[in-house]
Amino acid sequence: MKALVPPIVVALLWLAPKPLPAQAAADSAAIRQTALDYIEGYYEGSGERMERALHPELAKRIVRTSPETGRSSLGQMSAMTLVQGTRAGGGRETLRERQQKDVTILDIYRGAASVKVIASDWIDYLHVARWNGRWVIVNVLWELKPQPQ
């Protein structure tokens, strides 16, 4: 005699999220390309690549702490500041052998992703979102690397 599967189990299995490997691979590739447009665009002085990578309302922030007072302040750049700075030359002065651009996708969930970019003099943590069918950077929190003594 065959055992019957309770209808609730069938319903739960049917509703369970199913992995979409092709979509996940396509998303990973698109997210990686967005991060590369951001950092390579900076090094190349390509405002077009930088602009393509950013949501227009992006906020790029850094926490700076005064060694004299120990008080922290928040430095901020907008998408427009990044695009204009890139067009003005941005990272073109960075020697090619110093142009570090290591991209690590930390996590992807539906239309949101976290990405780490290690650049020549800093590390960026990017929040990337699917916006109108493409992946764009909406937030960046960054830290400068320690300077050699």
C-alpha atoms as a PDB file:
ATOM      1  CA  MET A   1       0.000   0.000   0.000  1.00  0.00           C
ATOM      2  CA  LYS A   2       1.317   3.467  -0.921  1.00  0.00           C
ATOM      3  CA  ALA A   3       1.704   6.086   1.791  1.00  0.00           C
ATOM      4  CA  LEU A   4      -0.116   9.286   1.025  1.00  0.00           C
ATOM      5  CA  VAL A   5       1.673  12.584   1.492  1.00  0.00           C
ATOM      6  CA  PRO A   6      -0.426  15.017   3.497  1.00  0.00           C
ATOM      7  CA  PRO A   7      -1.672  17.933   1.346  1.00  0.00           C
ATOM      8  CA  ILE A   8      -0.004  20.483   3.642  1.00  0.00           C
ATOM      9  CA  VAL A   9       3.422  18.950   2.933  1.00  0.00           C
ATOM     10  CA  VAL A  10       2.766  19.090  -0.805  1.00  0.00           C
ATOM     11  CA  ALA A  11       1.706  22.750  -0.509  1.00  0.00           C
ATOM     12  CA  LEU A  12       4.794  23.667   1.523  1.00  0.00           C
ATOM     13  CA  LEU A  13       7.117  21.966  -0.939  1.00  0.00           C
ATOM     14  CA  TRP A  14       5.402  23.710  -3.838  1.00  0.00           C
ATOM     15  CA  LEU A  15       5.713  27.127  -2.146  1.00  0.00           C
ATOM     16  CA  ALA A  16       9.319  26.668  -1.052  1.00  0.00           C
ATOM     17  CA  PRO A  17      11.774  28.975  -2.860  1.00  0.00           C
ATOM     18  CA  LYS A  18      13.520  27.238  -5.690  1.00  0.00           C
ATOM     19  CA  PRO A  19      17.084  28.139  -6.586  1.00  0.00           C
ATOM     20  CA  LEU A  20      17.546  29.610 -10.028  1.00  0.00           C
ATOM     21  CA  PRO A  21      21.205  28.871 -10.814  1.00  0.00           C
ATOM     22  CA  ALA A  22      21.179  30.582 -14.209  1.00  0.00           C
ATOM     23  CA  GLN A  23      19.642  33.734 -12.729  1.00  0.00           C
ATOM     24  CA  ALA A  24      22.033  33.645  -9.762  1.00  0.00           C
ATOM     25  CA  ALA A  25      25.014  33.367 -12.116  1.00  0.00           C
ATOM     26  CA  ALA A  26      23.694  36.208 -14.274  1.00  0.00           C
ATOM     27  CA  ASP A  27      23.122  38.376 -11.191  1.00  0.00           C
ATOM     28  CA  SER A  28      26.607  37.632  -9.867  1.00  0.00           C
ATOM     29  CA  ALA A  29      28.160  38.586 -13.207  1.00  0.00           C
ATOM     30  CA  ALA A  30      26.122  41.804 -13.410  1.00  0.00           C
ATOM     31  CA  ILE A  31      26.938  42.771  -9.807  1.00  0.00           C
ATOM     32  CA  ARG A  32      30.640  42.124 -10.409  1.00  0.00           C
ATOM     33  CA  GLN A  33      30.522  44.227 -13.604  1.00  0.00           C
ATOM     34  CA  THR A  34      28.857  47.077 -11.694  1.00  0.00           C
ATOM     35  CA  ALA A  35      31.657  47.012  -9.091  1.00  0.00           C
ATOM     36  CA  LEU A  36      34.292  46.933 -11.863  1.00  0.00           C
ATOM     37  CA  ASP A  37      32.620  49.833 -13.704  1.00  0.00           C
ATOM     38  CA  TYR A  38      32.886  51.757 -10.434  1.00  0.00           C
ATOM     39  CA  ILE A  39      36.546  51.072  -9.611  1.00  0.00           C
ATOM     40  CA  GLU A  40      37.960  50.699 -13.143  1.00  0.00           C
ATOM     41  CA  GLY A  41      35.959  53.724 -14.239  1.00  0.00           C
ATOM     42  CA  TYR A  42      37.641  55.671 -11.449  1.00  0.00           C
ATOM     43  CA  TYR A  43      41.144  54.545 -12.463  1.00  0.00           C
ATOM     44  CA  GLU A  44      40.424  55.235 -16.168  1.00  0.00           C
ATOM     45  CA  GLY A  45      38.833  58.616 -15.509  1.00  0.00           C
ATOM     46  CA  SER A  46      35.692  57.327 -17.238  1.00  0.00           C
ATOM     47  CA  GLY A  47      32.744  59.323 -15.953  1.00  0.00           C
ATOM     48  CA  GLU A  48      30.501  57.198 -18.176  1.00  0.00           C
ATOM     49  CA  ARG A  49      31.468  53.940 -16.434  1.00  0.00           C
ATOM     50  CA  MET A  50      31.222  55.545 -12.994  1.00  0.00           C
ATOM     51  CA  GLU A  51      27.799  57.004 -13.765  1.00  0.00           C
ATOM     52  CA  ARG A  52      26.554  53.659 -15.129  1.00  0.00           C
ATOM     53  CA  ALA A  53      27.530  51.960 -11.849  1.00  0.00           C
ATOM     54  CA  LEU A  54      25.795  54.416  -9.506  1.00  0.00           C
ATOM     55  CA  HIS A  55      22.233  55.117  -8.492  1.00  0.00           C
ATOM     56  CA  PRO A  56      21.685  58.888  -8.864  1.00  0.00           C
ATOM     57  CA  GLU A  57      20.944  59.188  -5.131  1.00  0.00           C
ATOM     58  CA  LEU A  58      24.026  57.243  -3.998  1.00  0.00           C
ATOM     59  CA  ALA A  59      25.662  58.182  -0.712  1.00  0.00           C
ATOM     60  CA  LYS A  60      29.360  57.361  -0.184  1.00  0.00           C
ATOM     61  CA  ARG A  61      30.411  57.828   3.431  1.00  0.00           C
ATOM     62  CA  ILE A  62      33.470  57.556   5.633  1.00  0.00           C
ATOM     63  CA  VAL A  63      33.767  57.931   9.400  1.00  0.00           C
ATOM     64  CA  ARG A  64      36.771  60.055  10.343  1.00  0.00           C
ATOM     65  CA  THR A  65      37.927  60.337  13.942  1.00  0.00           C
ATOM     66  CA  SER A  66      40.043  63.278  15.042  1.00  0.00           C
ATOM     67  CA  PRO A  67      43.267  62.139  16.735  1.00  0.00           C
ATOM     68  CA  GLU A  68      43.229  65.344  18.820  1.00  0.00           C
ATOM     69  CA  THR A  69      39.682  65.147  20.176  1.00  0.00           C
ATOM     70  CA  GLY A  70      38.694  61.521  19.595  1.00  0.00           C
ATOM     71  CA  ARG A  71      35.400  62.781  18.086  1.00  0.00           C
ATOM     72  CA  SER A  72      34.082  61.244  14.908  1.00  0.00           C
ATOM     73  CA  SER A  73      32.602  63.002  11.896  1.00  0.00           C
ATOM     74  CA  LEU A  74      30.900  61.682   8.799  1.00  0.00           C
ATOM     75  CA  GLY A  75      32.341  62.571   5.397  1.00  0.00           C
ATOM     76  CA  GLN A  76      29.994  62.181   2.480  1.00  0.00           C
ATOM     77  CA  MET A  77      30.088  62.181  -1.328  1.00  0.00           C
ATOM     78  CA  SER A  78      27.170  62.040  -3.743  1.00  0.00           C
ATOM     79  CA  ALA A  79      26.886  60.281  -7.095  1.00  0.00           C
ATOM     80  CA  MET A  80      27.400  63.622  -8.837  1.00  0.00           C
ATOM     81  CA  THR A  81      30.584  64.300  -6.842  1.00  0.00           C
ATOM     82  CA  LEU A  82      31.984  60.874  -7.772  1.00  0.00           C
ATOM     83  CA  VAL A  83      31.087  61.198 -11.455  1.00  0.00           C
ATOM     84  CA  GLN A  84      32.484  64.738 -11.736  1.00  0.00           C
ATOM     85  CA  GLY A  85      35.647  63.797  -9.828  1.00  0.00           C
ATOM     86  CA  THR A  86      36.142  60.802 -12.086  1.00  0.00           C
ATOM     87  CA  ARG A  87      35.646  62.893 -15.241  1.00  0.00           C
ATOM     88  CA  ALA A  88      38.160  65.415 -13.893  1.00  0.00           C
ATOM     89  CA  GLY A  89      40.826  62.736 -13.775  1.00  0.00           C
ATOM     90  CA  GLY A  90      39.918  60.792 -10.665  1.00  0.00           C
ATOM     91  CA  GLY A  91      42.302  57.901 -10.387  1.00  0.00           C
ATOM     92  CA  ARG A  92      44.201  58.343 -13.663  1.00  0.00           C
ATOM     93  CA  GLU A  93      47.213  59.414 -11.607  1.00  0.00           C
ATOM     94  CA  THR A  94      47.271  56.017  -9.868  1.00  0.00           C
ATOM     95  CA  LEU A  95      50.087  54.006 -11.422  1.00  0.00           C
ATOM     96  CA  ARG A  96      48.811  50.912 -13.240  1.00  0.00           C
ATOM     97  CA  GLU A  97      50.809  48.568 -10.984  1.00  0.00           C
ATOM     98  CA  ARG A  98      49.070  50.138  -7.926  1.00  0.00           C
ATOM     99  CA  GLN A  99      45.544  49.879  -9.361  1.00  0.00           C
ATOM    100  CA  GLN A 100      44.133  47.245  -7.069  1.00  0.00           C
ATOM    101  CA  LYS A 101      40.545  46.252  -7.912  1.00  0.00           C
ATOM    102  CA  ASP A 102      39.672  43.104  -5.990  1.00  0.00           C
ATOM    103  CA  VAL A 103      35.909  42.484  -6.014  1.00  0.00           C
ATOM    104  CA  THR A 104      34.238  40.056  -3.599  1.00  0.00           C
ATOM    105  CA  ILE A 105      30.485  39.534  -3.580  1.00  0.00           C
ATOM    106  CA  LEU A 106      29.658  39.001   0.090  1.00  0.00           C
ATOM    107  CA  ASP A 107      25.946  38.246  -0.248  1.00  0.00           C
ATOM    108  CA  ILE A 108      23.025  38.424  -2.673  1.00  0.00           C
ATOM    109  CA  TYR A 109      19.392  38.248  -1.654  1.00  0.00           C
ATOM    110  CA  ARG A 110      16.780  38.884  -4.309  1.00  0.00           C
ATOM    111  CA  GLY A 111      17.381  42.478  -5.456  1.00  0.00           C
ATOM    112  CA  ALA A 112      20.034  43.398  -2.875  1.00  0.00           C
ATOM    113  CA  ALA A 113      23.722  42.584  -2.613  1.00  0.00           C
ATOM    114  CA  SER A 114      26.755  43.471  -0.500  1.00  0.00           C
ATOM    115  CA  VAL A 115      30.120  43.739  -2.227  1.00  0.00           C
ATOM    116  CA  LYS A 116      33.650  44.441  -0.986  1.00  0.00           C
ATOM    117  CA  VAL A 117      36.091  46.263  -3.251  1.00  0.00           C
ATOM    118  CA  ILE A 118      39.742  46.496  -2.269  1.00  0.00           C
ATOM    119  CA  ALA A 119      41.306  49.426  -4.097  1.00  0.00           C
ATOM    120  CA  SER A 120      44.801  50.901  -4.061  1.00  0.00           C
ATOM    121  CA  ASP A 121      44.405  53.117  -0.983  1.00  0.00           C
ATOM    122  CA  TRP A 122      41.029  52.175   0.507  1.00  0.00           C
ATOM    123  CA  ILE A 123      38.406  49.481   0.983  1.00  0.00           C
ATOM    124  CA  ASP A 124      34.787  50.026  -0.083  1.00  0.00           C
ATOM    125  CA  TYR A 125      31.730  48.163   1.149  1.00  0.00           C
ATOM    126  CA  LEU A 126      29.029  48.553  -1.500  1.00  0.00           C
ATOM    127  CA  HIS A 127      25.295  48.069  -1.204  1.00  0.00           C
ATOM    128  CA  VAL A 128      24.058  47.180  -4.657  1.00  0.00           C
ATOM    129  CA  ALA A 129      20.390  47.006  -5.715  1.00  0.00           C
ATOM    130  CA  ARG A 130      18.511  45.856  -8.784  1.00  0.00           C
ATOM    131  CA  TRP A 131      17.029  49.114 -10.047  1.00  0.00           C
ATOM    132  CA  ASN A 132      14.828  49.132 -13.154  1.00  0.00           C
ATOM    133  CA  GLY A 133      16.300  45.814 -14.272  1.00  0.00           C
ATOM    134  CA  ARG A 134      19.990  46.576 -13.700  1.00  0.00           C
ATOM    135  CA  TRP A 135      22.334  46.462 -10.710  1.00  0.00           C
ATOM    136  CA  VAL A 136      23.504  49.831  -9.328  1.00  0.00           C
ATOM    137  CA  ILE A 137      25.398  50.969  -6.239  1.00  0.00           C
ATOM    138  CA  VAL A 138      23.172  52.811  -3.765  1.00  0.00           C
ATOM    139  CA  ASN A 139      25.493  53.078  -0.730  1.00  0.00           C
ATOM    140  CA  VAL A 140      29.213  52.924  -0.087  1.00  0.00           C
ATOM    141  CA  LEU A 141      30.916  52.833   3.317  1.00  0.00           C
ATOM    142  CA  TRP A 142      34.662  53.088   2.995  1.00  0.00           C
ATOM    143  CA  GLU A 143      37.896  53.153   4.984  1.00  0.00           C
ATOM    144  CA  LEU A 144      41.359  54.343   4.046  1.00  0.00           C
ATOM    145  CA  LYS A 145      44.152  51.795   4.263  1.00  0.00           C
ATOM    146  CA  PRO A 146      46.959  52.674   6.685  1.00  0.00           C
ATOM    147  CA  GLN A 147      49.766  54.568   4.972  1.00  0.00           C
ATOM    148  CA  PRO A 148      53.234  52.985   5.067  1.00  0.00           C
ATOM    149  CA  GLN A 149      55.486  54.729   7.587  1.00  0.00           C
END
